[in-house]
């Protein structure tokens, strides 16, 4: 990832304090994905970086997939850059209308690449992969903006998915330490 973009993400989204993570763990730092996923000046280059990572690591993908909610703008930006359509994976199937868990058009058997924002333990990504597979889609690759390096890579590997982060937490924290040191 371009160093300037990594620095902008750090300045914009890296928060210090006491935070409860989705994994149930507590952390002294938190990466607020909405602070980089809602800004066009960051979303545009992130979309380009994600699209480039998909082209490099999952060139057979005909579609992107994003778990709701934080990864959706990232997938939309990457979709625009790559020219690939995307689907949204709901946490649960909605109870009205089409009652879909996967939103957007797709054909069973298609190869998709999962787009994630921040991966910690990998739980949310694995849930999305399982839903995609249940719908008949093939997924073996995920691209995320930041890997917190707290087990997500290994957990996804156990689910036969390779995670390709644009940035690792250690790199982000190292940049933060240099900025404050």
Protein backbone atom coordinates (compact mmCIF):
# COMPACT_ATOMS: atom_id res chain seq x y z
CA UNK A 1 0.00 0.00 0.00
CA UNK A 2 1.17 3.49 -0.78
CA UNK A 3 2.87 4.97 2.30
CA UNK A 4 0.84 8.19 2.13
CA UNK A 5 -2.42 6.22 2.18
CA UNK A 6 -1.26 4.14 5.14
CA UNK A 7 -0.34 7.33 7.00
CA UNK A 8 -3.73 8.89 6.19
CA UNK A 9 -5.52 5.79 7.51
CA UNK A 10 -3.45 5.91 10.68
CA UNK A 11 -4.11 9.61 11.24
CA UNK A 12 -7.81 9.31 10.46
CA UNK A 13 -8.86 6.01 11.99
CA UNK A 14 -6.39 4.81 14.64
CA UNK A 15 -7.88 5.49 18.06
CA UNK A 16 -6.35 4.85 21.47
CA UNK A 17 -8.36 4.03 24.59
CA UNK A 18 -10.22 1.00 25.94
CA UNK A 19 -12.22 -0.83 23.28
CA UNK A 20 -14.25 -4.02 23.14
CA UNK A 21 -13.68 -5.80 19.83
CA UNK A 22 -16.20 -7.94 17.93
CA UNK A 23 -14.07 -10.94 18.91
CA UNK A 24 -14.87 -10.22 22.57
CA UNK A 25 -11.30 -9.18 23.33
CA UNK A 26 -10.37 -5.81 24.79
CA UNK A 27 -7.81 -3.61 23.10
CA UNK A 28 -5.97 -0.37 23.88
CA UNK A 29 -6.32 0.63 20.24
CA UNK A 30 -9.07 0.50 17.65
CA UNK A 31 -9.15 1.10 13.93
CA UNK A 32 -12.44 2.85 13.15
CA UNK A 33 -13.21 1.60 9.64
CA UNK A 34 -15.98 4.14 9.20
CA UNK A 35 -13.44 6.94 9.45
CA UNK A 36 -11.68 5.71 6.30
CA UNK A 37 -14.60 3.98 4.56
CA UNK A 38 -16.75 7.11 4.41
CA UNK A 39 -14.19 9.61 3.08
CA UNK A 40 -13.92 9.89 -0.70
CA UNK A 41 -10.28 11.02 -0.49
CA UNK A 42 -9.42 7.70 1.21
CA UNK A 43 -12.11 5.48 -0.31
CA UNK A 44 -11.02 6.16 -3.90
CA UNK A 45 -7.37 5.05 -3.41
CA UNK A 46 -8.49 2.17 -1.17
CA UNK A 47 -10.81 0.98 -3.94
CA UNK A 48 -7.90 1.11 -6.39
CA UNK A 49 -5.61 -0.78 -3.98
CA UNK A 50 -8.26 -3.45 -3.31
CA UNK A 51 -8.97 -3.83 -7.04
CA UNK A 52 -5.22 -4.25 -7.71
CA UNK A 53 -4.94 -6.87 -4.93
CA UNK A 54 -7.92 -8.79 -6.32
CA UNK A 55 -6.42 -8.72 -9.83
CA UNK A 56 -3.11 -10.02 -8.45
CA UNK A 57 -4.32 -12.61 -5.95
CA UNK A 58 -7.70 -13.75 -7.35
CA UNK A 59 -7.64 -12.98 -11.07
CA UNK A 60 -10.41 -15.54 -11.73
CA UNK A 61 -12.91 -13.61 -9.60
CA UNK A 62 -15.95 -12.47 -11.55
CA UNK A 63 -17.54 -10.77 -8.55
CA UNK A 64 -16.61 -9.20 -5.22
CA UNK A 65 -18.42 -9.89 -1.96
CA UNK A 66 -18.66 -7.70 1.13
CA UNK A 67 -20.07 -8.45 4.57
CA UNK A 68 -22.46 -5.75 5.74
CA UNK A 69 -21.83 -2.95 6.80
CA UNK A 70 -18.29 -1.64 6.97
CA UNK A 71 -16.91 -3.46 3.94
CA UNK A 72 -19.72 -2.39 1.59
CA UNK A 73 -18.28 1.03 0.62
CA UNK A 74 -14.87 -0.59 0.12
CA UNK A 75 -16.35 -3.23 -2.20
CA UNK A 76 -18.30 -0.55 -4.05
CA UNK A 77 -15.13 1.50 -4.60
CA UNK A 78 -13.19 -1.60 -5.72
CA UNK A 79 -16.11 -2.61 -7.96
CA UNK A 80 -16.00 0.74 -9.72
CA UNK A 81 -12.23 0.51 -10.16
CA UNK A 82 -12.12 -3.14 -11.29
CA UNK A 83 -15.38 -3.23 -13.24
CA UNK A 84 -16.47 -6.25 -11.21
CA UNK A 85 -19.99 -6.43 -9.75
CA UNK A 86 -20.37 -7.22 -6.07
CA UNK A 87 -22.76 -8.82 -3.64
CA UNK A 88 -23.48 -7.90 -0.04
CA UNK A 89 -23.53 -10.61 2.61
CA UNK A 90 -26.07 -9.91 5.34
CA UNK A 91 -25.43 -11.05 8.89
CA UNK A 92 -28.77 -12.85 8.68
CA UNK A 93 -31.33 -13.30 5.95
CA UNK A 94 -33.88 -10.53 6.02
CA UNK A 95 -37.37 -11.53 7.06
CA UNK A 96 -39.23 -9.60 4.37
CA UNK A 97 -39.22 -9.10 0.61
CA UNK A 98 -36.87 -11.60 -1.02
CA UNK A 99 -35.61 -12.93 2.35
CA UNK A 100 -32.09 -13.02 0.90
CA UNK A 101 -28.89 -13.34 2.87
CA UNK A 102 -26.82 -12.53 -0.22
CA UNK A 103 -27.95 -9.30 -1.88
CA UNK A 104 -27.19 -8.68 -5.54
CA UNK A 105 -27.28 -10.84 -8.64
CA UNK A 106 -24.99 -13.86 -8.95
CA UNK A 107 -24.87 -17.32 -10.44
CA UNK A 108 -23.98 -20.40 -8.37
CA UNK A 109 -20.47 -21.60 -9.23
CA UNK A 110 -19.04 -18.13 -9.73
CA UNK A 111 -15.68 -17.33 -8.16
CA UNK A 112 -15.83 -14.36 -5.81
CA UNK A 113 -13.25 -12.50 -3.76
CA UNK A 114 -14.25 -11.40 -0.28
CA UNK A 115 -13.51 -7.76 0.61
CA UNK A 116 -13.11 -6.92 4.30
CA UNK A 117 -12.25 -3.81 6.23
CA UNK A 118 -10.44 -4.88 9.41
CA UNK A 119 -9.78 -8.54 10.26
CA UNK A 120 -9.07 -9.50 13.87
CA UNK A 121 -9.95 -13.11 14.66
CA UNK A 122 -11.54 -13.68 11.24
CA UNK A 123 -14.95 -14.59 12.67
CA UNK A 124 -17.02 -12.18 10.59
CA UNK A 125 -15.11 -13.04 7.42
CA UNK A 126 -15.59 -16.77 8.00
CA UNK A 127 -19.34 -16.27 8.55
CA UNK A 128 -19.50 -14.39 5.24
CA UNK A 129 -17.49 -17.12 3.46
CA UNK A 130 -19.84 -19.80 4.81
CA UNK A 131 -22.89 -17.85 3.61
CA UNK A 132 -21.34 -17.39 0.17
CA UNK A 133 -20.49 -21.06 -0.09
CA UNK A 134 -23.99 -22.06 1.04
CA UNK A 135 -25.30 -19.93 -1.84
CA UNK A 136 -23.11 -21.91 -4.25
CA UNK A 137 -20.36 -19.35 -4.75
CA UNK A 138 -16.67 -20.30 -4.75
CA UNK A 139 -14.45 -18.26 -2.44
CA UNK A 140 -10.84 -18.97 -1.50
CA UNK A 141 -9.40 -15.45 -1.32
CA UNK A 142 -10.08 -12.40 0.83
CA UNK A 143 -8.56 -8.93 0.68
CA UNK A 144 -8.74 -6.65 3.71
CA UNK A 145 -7.57 -3.13 4.43
CA UNK A 146 -5.99 -4.01 7.80
CA UNK A 147 -5.07 -7.32 9.41
CA UNK A 148 -4.89 -6.79 13.19
CA UNK A 149 -2.62 -9.87 13.30
CA UNK A 150 -4.70 -11.55 16.00
CA UNK A 151 -5.40 -14.92 14.40
CA UNK A 152 -7.55 -13.99 11.41
CA UNK A 153 -5.06 -15.22 8.79
CA UNK A 154 -4.84 -18.65 10.43
CA UNK A 155 -8.58 -18.91 11.06
CA UNK A 156 -9.33 -18.09 7.44
CA UNK A 157 -6.66 -20.55 6.27
CA UNK A 158 -8.45 -23.28 8.24
CA UNK A 159 -11.55 -22.35 6.20
CA UNK A 160 -9.47 -22.69 2.98
CA UNK A 161 -9.32 -18.91 2.42
CA UNK A 162 -6.10 -16.95 1.88
CA UNK A 163 -6.15 -13.44 3.36
CA UNK A 164 -4.25 -10.68 1.61
CA UNK A 165 -4.07 -7.51 3.77
CA UNK A 166 -3.20 -4.14 2.29
CA UNK A 167 -1.74 -3.20 5.67
CA UNK A 168 -0.83 -5.06 8.85
CA UNK A 169 -1.43 -3.71 12.35
CA UNK A 170 2.28 -3.93 13.14
CA UNK A 171 3.01 -1.62 10.18
CA UNK A 172 0.26 0.75 11.22
CA UNK A 173 1.40 0.82 14.85
CA UNK A 174 5.05 1.21 13.81
CA UNK A 175 4.11 4.25 11.73
CA UNK A 176 2.18 5.62 14.72
CA UNK A 177 5.16 5.11 17.04
CA UNK A 178 7.46 6.97 14.64
CA UNK A 179 4.96 9.81 14.39
CA UNK A 180 4.82 10.15 18.18
CA UNK A 181 8.48 9.37 18.86
